[in-house]
Structure formats: C-alpha cells, structure tokens
C-alpha cells in the first residue's frame, strides 16, 4: 500500500512539473 502512495505521489509530481513548463 505504501508503494502505491509513492507511485501516486510520483505521478502527481510529474503532472505539476509538466503543468509548470
């Protein structure tokens, strides 16, 4: 379950970085 949250956090981080660019 922790790994799932980690993956979701990673995707969210990528989306934020992509939105900034």
N, C-alpha and C. Protein backbone atom coordinates (compact mmCIF):
# COMPACT_ATOMS: atom_id res chain seq x y z
N UNK A 1 0.85 -1.19 0.00
CA UNK A 1 0.00 0.00 0.00
C UNK A 1 0.89 1.25 0.00
N UNK A 2 1.99 1.20 0.70
CA UNK A 2 2.90 2.36 0.75
C UNK A 2 3.49 2.64 -0.64
N UNK A 3 3.80 1.56 -1.34
CA UNK A 3 4.38 1.71 -2.69
C UNK A 3 3.36 2.38 -3.62
N UNK A 4 2.09 2.06 -3.42
CA UNK A 4 1.05 2.64 -4.28
C UNK A 4 0.99 4.15 -4.05
N UNK A 5 1.05 4.57 -2.80
CA UNK A 5 1.02 6.00 -2.49
C UNK A 5 2.24 6.69 -3.07
N UNK A 6 3.37 5.98 -3.01
CA UNK A 6 4.62 6.55 -3.54
C UNK A 6 4.50 6.78 -5.04
N UNK A 7 3.90 5.82 -5.75
CA UNK A 7 3.73 5.94 -7.20
C UNK A 7 2.79 7.09 -7.52
N UNK A 8 1.70 7.17 -6.76
CA UNK A 8 0.72 8.22 -7.00
C UNK A 8 1.35 9.59 -6.78
N UNK A 9 2.21 9.67 -5.75
CA UNK A 9 2.89 10.93 -5.45
C UNK A 9 3.84 11.29 -6.59
N UNK A 10 4.49 10.28 -7.12
CA UNK A 10 5.44 10.49 -8.24
C UNK A 10 4.70 11.05 -9.45
N UNK A 11 3.55 10.45 -9.77
CA UNK A 11 2.78 10.91 -10.94
C UNK A 11 2.29 12.33 -10.71
N UNK A 12 1.83 12.61 -9.50
CA UNK A 12 1.34 13.96 -9.20
C UNK A 12 2.47 14.97 -9.38
N UNK A 13 3.66 14.59 -8.92
CA UNK A 13 4.82 15.48 -9.03
C UNK A 13 5.14 15.74 -10.50
N UNK A 14 5.07 14.69 -11.32
CA UNK A 14 5.36 14.84 -12.74
C UNK A 14 4.32 15.76 -13.39
N UNK A 15 3.06 15.59 -13.01
CA UNK A 15 1.99 16.41 -13.58
C UNK A 15 2.21 17.87 -13.21
N UNK A 16 2.61 18.13 -11.99
CA UNK A 16 2.84 19.50 -11.54
C UNK A 16 3.99 20.10 -12.34
N UNK A 17 5.06 19.36 -12.49
CA UNK A 17 6.23 19.86 -13.23
C UNK A 17 5.86 20.11 -14.69
N UNK A 18 5.05 19.23 -15.26
CA UNK A 18 4.64 19.38 -16.66
C UNK A 18 3.75 20.62 -16.81
N UNK A 19 2.90 20.85 -15.81
CA UNK A 19 1.98 21.99 -15.87
C UNK A 19 2.77 23.30 -15.78
N UNK A 20 3.86 23.27 -15.02
CA UNK A 20 4.67 24.48 -14.85
C UNK A 20 5.36 24.85 -16.17
N UNK A 21 5.82 23.83 -16.89
CA UNK A 21 6.55 24.09 -18.13
C UNK A 21 5.69 24.67 -19.24
